[in-house]
Amino acid sequence: MDDTNNLINFLMPSNDRPDSLYKQLSKSLNRAIQQGLLTPGDALMPERELASRLNMSRITVRKAIDQLVEIGLLTKRQGAGTIVAESVDLVLHKSLSSLNSFTADMKKRGLESYSRTILREEGKASSKEALILNLGEDDYVHRLNRVRYLVNEPLLYEIAVIPAAIISITSAIDDSLYELLESKNMNPVTAKQNIHAITADDNLADKLEVKPGSAVLFVERRGKDSNGRVVEYTQSYYRGDRYDYVVELG
């Protein structure tokens, strides 16, 4: 009983949070699994009871649960209800028609992500960086290399290069680079992306926690702000077993 009450208190929504109720619940369930309040094989209480205890509608509870079922954190079994998955078989579907950051994408799904910074530095632009970012040979750039995580598992390795003249990246910038650019009215509004299928070498495999030779989606992005200025050059290495890209036509 105490464990149930502790879980309910942990999941209880707050009117002070900006997220909708279903996103709050989805994030809280995600955290409960990551922190061990819910462990693999645990059964959630029925949707009707959970909704009553949390003062939510059953539709809201179902929407939050379905979101975690979609990414493999929870499973639904006939006659047994909703169960915490024994192992996470996470696959995210990403639209090629949307221009958003990893952080914004996860927030939109009601999920919490985090990053581990591998490199943060300022240096003179290389010949390739200068060409892509329309910089002079003596101009400087900020480089930010990060591994992006969800459910304690790396999903992608990201290398971002930003012209040093337009923004200062401090040690506090570990979350969304796009939010930082948007705060300066320099967020990308258009971008050109190139996508290649590659295999992970030893170094990349170590960062993504996969076996060398595993399938990886390599995405190069060159983003421009509303004034047509190139404000980012990003190389992203997505785990092939955790991501697929969707193209909507017509």
Protein backbone atom coordinates (compact mmCIF):
# COMPACT_ATOMS: atom_id res chain seq x y z
CA MET A 1 0.00 0.00 0.00
CA ASP A 2 2.82 2.39 0.88
CA ASP A 3 4.50 1.68 -2.46
CA THR A 4 1.25 2.42 -4.29
CA ASN A 5 0.74 5.68 -2.40
CA ASN A 6 4.35 6.70 -3.06
CA LEU A 7 3.87 6.04 -6.76
CA ILE A 8 0.63 8.03 -6.87
CA ASN A 9 2.32 10.96 -5.13
CA PHE A 10 5.16 10.74 -7.63
CA LEU A 11 2.76 10.73 -10.59
CA MET A 12 0.45 13.46 -9.27
CA PRO A 13 0.16 16.33 -11.80
CA SER A 14 0.66 19.99 -10.97
CA ASN A 15 -1.17 23.04 -12.28
CA ASP A 16 2.11 24.96 -12.00
CA ARG A 17 3.68 22.97 -14.84
CA PRO A 18 3.31 24.21 -18.42
CA ASP A 19 2.78 20.73 -19.90
CA SER A 20 -0.65 19.26 -20.53
CA LEU A 21 -1.87 16.61 -18.09
CA TYR A 22 -1.16 13.67 -20.38
CA LYS A 23 2.38 14.90 -21.04
CA GLN A 24 2.96 15.34 -17.31
CA LEU A 25 1.79 11.80 -16.68
CA SER A 26 3.82 10.40 -19.55
CA LYS A 27 6.98 12.09 -18.26
CA SER A 28 6.29 11.02 -14.68
CA LEU A 29 5.76 7.40 -15.69
CA ASN A 30 8.98 7.58 -17.71
CA ARG A 31 10.87 8.91 -14.67
CA ALA A 32 9.26 6.31 -12.39
CA ILE A 33 10.62 3.56 -14.63
CA GLN A 34 14.07 5.14 -14.87
CA GLN A 35 14.27 5.64 -11.09
CA GLY A 36 13.05 2.13 -10.22
CA LEU A 37 9.66 3.02 -8.75
CA LEU A 38 8.29 0.83 -11.53
CA THR A 39 10.40 -2.17 -12.55
CA PRO A 40 10.21 -4.55 -15.54
CA GLY A 41 7.22 -6.83 -15.22
CA ASP A 42 5.30 -4.53 -12.87
CA ALA A 43 1.62 -4.09 -13.71
CA LEU A 44 0.09 -0.63 -13.67
CA MET A 45 -3.18 -0.23 -11.83
CA PRO A 46 -6.21 -0.19 -14.18
CA GLU A 47 -6.71 3.01 -16.16
CA ARG A 48 -9.99 3.77 -14.38
CA GLU A 49 -8.39 3.52 -10.93
CA LEU A 50 -5.28 5.48 -11.97
CA ALA A 51 -7.48 8.23 -13.42
CA SER A 52 -9.50 8.41 -10.20
CA ARG A 53 -6.42 8.53 -7.96
CA LEU A 54 -4.79 11.25 -10.08
CA ASN A 55 -7.98 13.27 -10.65
CA MET A 56 -7.63 12.89 -14.42
CA SER A 57 -9.98 11.69 -17.10
CA ARG A 58 -9.57 8.12 -18.29
CA ILE A 59 -8.92 9.43 -21.80
CA THR A 60 -5.97 11.49 -20.51
CA VAL A 61 -4.49 8.49 -18.70
CA ARG A 62 -4.93 6.28 -21.77
CA LYS A 63 -3.23 8.85 -24.01
CA ALA A 64 -0.19 9.03 -21.68
CA ILE A 65 0.06 5.24 -21.45
CA ASP A 66 -0.36 4.74 -25.21
CA GLN A 67 2.54 7.12 -25.81
CA LEU A 68 4.84 4.95 -23.70
CA VAL A 69 3.49 1.79 -25.29
CA GLU A 70 4.36 3.25 -28.70
CA ILE A 71 8.04 3.62 -27.80
CA GLY A 72 8.25 0.28 -26.00
CA LEU A 73 8.45 1.31 -22.32
CA LEU A 74 5.08 -0.25 -21.56
CA THR A 75 3.25 -3.18 -23.10
CA LYS A 76 -0.43 -4.13 -23.06
CA ARG A 77 -1.32 -7.77 -22.51
CA GLN A 78 -4.74 -9.29 -22.90
CA GLY A 79 -6.09 -10.12 -19.46
CA ALA A 80 -3.09 -8.64 -17.65
CA GLY A 81 -3.45 -4.95 -18.39
CA THR A 82 -0.48 -2.63 -18.88
CA ILE A 83 2.95 -3.98 -17.94
CA VAL A 84 6.36 -2.33 -17.66
CA ALA A 85 8.35 -3.82 -20.55
CA GLU A 86 10.99 -6.40 -19.67
CA SER A 87 13.33 -4.82 -22.21
CA VAL A 88 13.00 -1.61 -24.18
CA ASP A 89 12.55 -2.13 -27.91
CA LEU A 90 12.48 1.55 -28.73
CA VAL A 91 11.90 2.76 -32.29
CA LEU A 92 11.15 6.43 -33.00
CA HIS A 93 9.55 7.56 -36.24
CA LYS A 94 10.78 10.98 -37.36
CA SER A 95 9.22 13.05 -40.11
CA LEU A 96 11.50 14.50 -42.76
CA SER A 97 9.09 17.42 -43.19
CA SER A 98 9.58 18.82 -39.67
CA LEU A 99 12.40 21.15 -38.63
CA ASN A 100 12.97 20.78 -34.91
CA SER A 101 15.63 19.84 -32.43
CA PHE A 102 16.05 16.52 -30.66
CA THR A 103 14.97 18.13 -27.37
CA ALA A 104 11.84 19.65 -28.95
CA ASP A 105 11.02 16.36 -30.66
CA MET A 106 11.18 14.46 -27.36
CA LYS A 107 9.15 17.14 -25.55
CA LYS A 108 6.49 16.94 -28.25
CA ARG A 109 6.26 13.22 -27.59
CA GLY A 110 5.96 13.88 -23.86
CA LEU A 111 9.34 12.29 -23.15
CA GLU A 112 12.33 13.47 -21.16
CA SER A 113 15.75 13.35 -22.75
CA TYR A 114 19.19 14.44 -21.68
CA SER A 115 22.62 14.98 -23.18
CA ARG A 116 26.23 14.14 -22.38
CA THR A 117 28.70 16.69 -23.71
CA ILE A 118 31.77 15.18 -25.35
CA LEU A 119 33.34 18.40 -26.63
CA ARG A 120 32.69 22.10 -26.26
CA GLU A 121 35.23 24.43 -27.84
CA GLU A 122 35.80 27.59 -29.84
CA GLY A 123 38.27 27.51 -32.69
CA LYS A 124 39.08 28.78 -36.13
CA ALA A 125 36.74 27.40 -38.76
CA SER A 126 38.09 24.61 -40.92
CA SER A 127 37.96 25.01 -44.69
CA LYS A 128 34.82 22.83 -44.85
CA GLU A 129 33.11 24.66 -41.96
CA ALA A 130 33.89 28.06 -43.45
CA LEU A 131 32.49 27.00 -46.82
CA ILE A 132 29.28 25.58 -45.36
CA LEU A 133 28.68 28.47 -42.94
CA ASN A 134 29.70 31.21 -45.40
CA LEU A 135 32.57 32.36 -43.17
CA GLY A 136 35.94 33.91 -43.84
CA GLU A 137 39.16 31.97 -43.39
CA ASP A 138 39.93 33.79 -40.12
CA ASP A 139 36.44 33.46 -38.60
CA TYR A 140 35.79 31.35 -35.52
CA VAL A 141 33.12 28.78 -34.70
CA HIS A 142 31.72 27.06 -31.64
CA ARG A 143 31.73 23.26 -31.73
CA LEU A 144 29.40 21.26 -29.53
CA ASN A 145 29.55 17.45 -29.64
CA ARG A 146 26.96 15.56 -27.60
CA VAL A 147 25.44 12.13 -27.12
CA ARG A 148 21.64 12.43 -26.81
CA TYR A 149 19.84 9.99 -24.51
CA LEU A 150 16.34 8.70 -23.86
CA VAL A 151 15.50 6.11 -21.19
CA ASN A 152 19.19 5.88 -20.23
CA GLU A 153 20.03 4.76 -23.76
CA PRO A 154 21.95 6.76 -26.37
CA LEU A 155 19.88 7.50 -29.48
CA LEU A 156 22.25 9.68 -31.45
CA TYR A 157 25.63 11.37 -31.50
CA GLU A 158 25.48 14.98 -32.64
CA ILE A 159 28.21 17.37 -33.81
CA ALA A 160 27.01 20.98 -34.07
CA VAL A 161 29.00 23.91 -35.44
CA ILE A 162 27.77 27.48 -34.92
CA PRO A 163 29.42 30.74 -36.09
CA ALA A 164 31.07 32.29 -33.03
CA ALA A 165 30.08 35.77 -34.18
CA ILE A 166 26.37 35.17 -33.70
CA ILE A 167 26.21 33.50 -30.32
CA SER A 168 28.22 32.54 -27.26
CA ILE A 169 28.00 28.96 -26.05
CA THR A 170 28.77 28.76 -22.35
CA SER A 171 29.31 25.78 -20.09
CA ALA A 172 25.63 25.97 -19.11
CA ILE A 173 24.40 25.05 -22.60
CA ASP A 174 23.74 21.31 -22.41
CA ASP A 175 20.15 21.06 -23.55
CA SER A 176 18.57 22.51 -26.68
CA LEU A 177 20.83 24.50 -28.97
CA TYR A 178 17.78 25.49 -31.01
CA GLU A 179 16.18 27.07 -27.93
CA LEU A 180 19.36 29.08 -27.42
CA LEU A 181 19.32 30.24 -31.03
CA GLU A 182 15.61 31.04 -30.81
CA SER A 183 16.22 33.22 -27.74
CA LYS A 184 18.48 35.32 -30.00
CA ASN A 185 15.97 35.27 -32.91
CA MET A 186 18.42 33.16 -34.89
CA ASN A 187 16.66 29.81 -34.91
CA PRO A 188 16.72 27.87 -38.20
CA VAL A 189 13.51 28.20 -40.17
CA THR A 190 14.74 26.43 -43.30
CA ALA A 191 17.31 23.69 -43.72
CA LYS A 192 18.85 21.35 -46.24
CA GLN A 193 19.43 17.80 -45.05
CA ASN A 194 21.43 14.98 -46.58
CA ILE A 195 20.84 11.47 -45.26
CA HIS A 196 23.17 8.52 -45.72
CA ALA A 197 23.17 4.94 -44.47
CA ILE A 198 26.52 4.09 -42.89
CA THR A 199 27.98 1.59 -40.43
CA ALA A 200 29.46 2.45 -37.04
CA ASP A 201 33.22 2.36 -36.61
CA ASP A 202 34.70 1.53 -33.21
CA ASN A 203 34.61 5.14 -31.99
CA LEU A 204 31.01 5.78 -33.00
CA ALA A 205 29.90 2.36 -31.77
CA ASP A 206 31.34 3.18 -28.34
CA LYS A 207 29.36 6.45 -28.16
CA LEU A 208 26.11 4.86 -29.31
CA GLU A 209 26.64 1.66 -27.28
CA VAL A 210 26.20 -0.60 -30.28
CA LYS A 211 28.43 -3.18 -31.93
CA PRO A 212 30.96 -1.98 -34.55
CA GLY A 213 29.43 -2.35 -37.99
CA SER A 214 25.90 -1.62 -36.75
CA ALA A 215 23.59 0.36 -39.04
CA VAL A 216 23.59 4.13 -38.51
CA LEU A 217 21.66 6.95 -40.21
CA PHE A 218 23.99 9.87 -40.88
CA VAL A 219 22.20 13.20 -41.30
CA GLU A 220 23.91 16.45 -42.33
CA ARG A 221 21.89 19.63 -41.77
CA ARG A 222 22.63 23.18 -42.88
CA GLY A 223 20.12 25.54 -41.25
CA LYS A 224 19.29 29.14 -42.10
CA ASP A 225 17.48 31.77 -40.04
CA SER A 226 14.68 34.04 -41.29
CA ASN A 227 17.26 36.38 -42.84
CA GLY A 228 18.80 33.61 -44.92
CA ARG A 229 21.94 33.49 -42.78
CA VAL A 230 23.48 30.07 -42.17
CA VAL A 231 23.38 29.60 -38.40
CA GLU A 232 24.14 25.92 -37.94
CA TYR A 233 25.92 22.97 -39.47
CA THR A 234 25.01 19.75 -37.69
CA GLN A 235 26.09 16.18 -38.26
CA SER A 236 23.90 13.63 -36.50
CA TYR A 237 24.49 9.89 -36.22
CA TYR A 238 21.23 8.09 -35.41
CA ARG A 239 21.11 4.50 -34.24
CA GLY A 240 19.59 2.48 -37.08
CA ASP A 241 17.75 0.20 -34.65
CA ARG A 242 16.12 3.11 -32.83
CA TYR A 243 15.17 5.55 -35.60
CA ASP A 244 13.46 5.53 -38.92
CA TYR A 245 12.52 8.47 -41.12
CA VAL A 246 9.05 9.00 -42.52
CA VAL A 247 8.22 10.96 -45.68
CA GLU A 248 4.66 12.20 -46.07
CA LEU A 249 3.56 12.76 -49.67
CA GLY A 250 0.49 14.36 -51.18
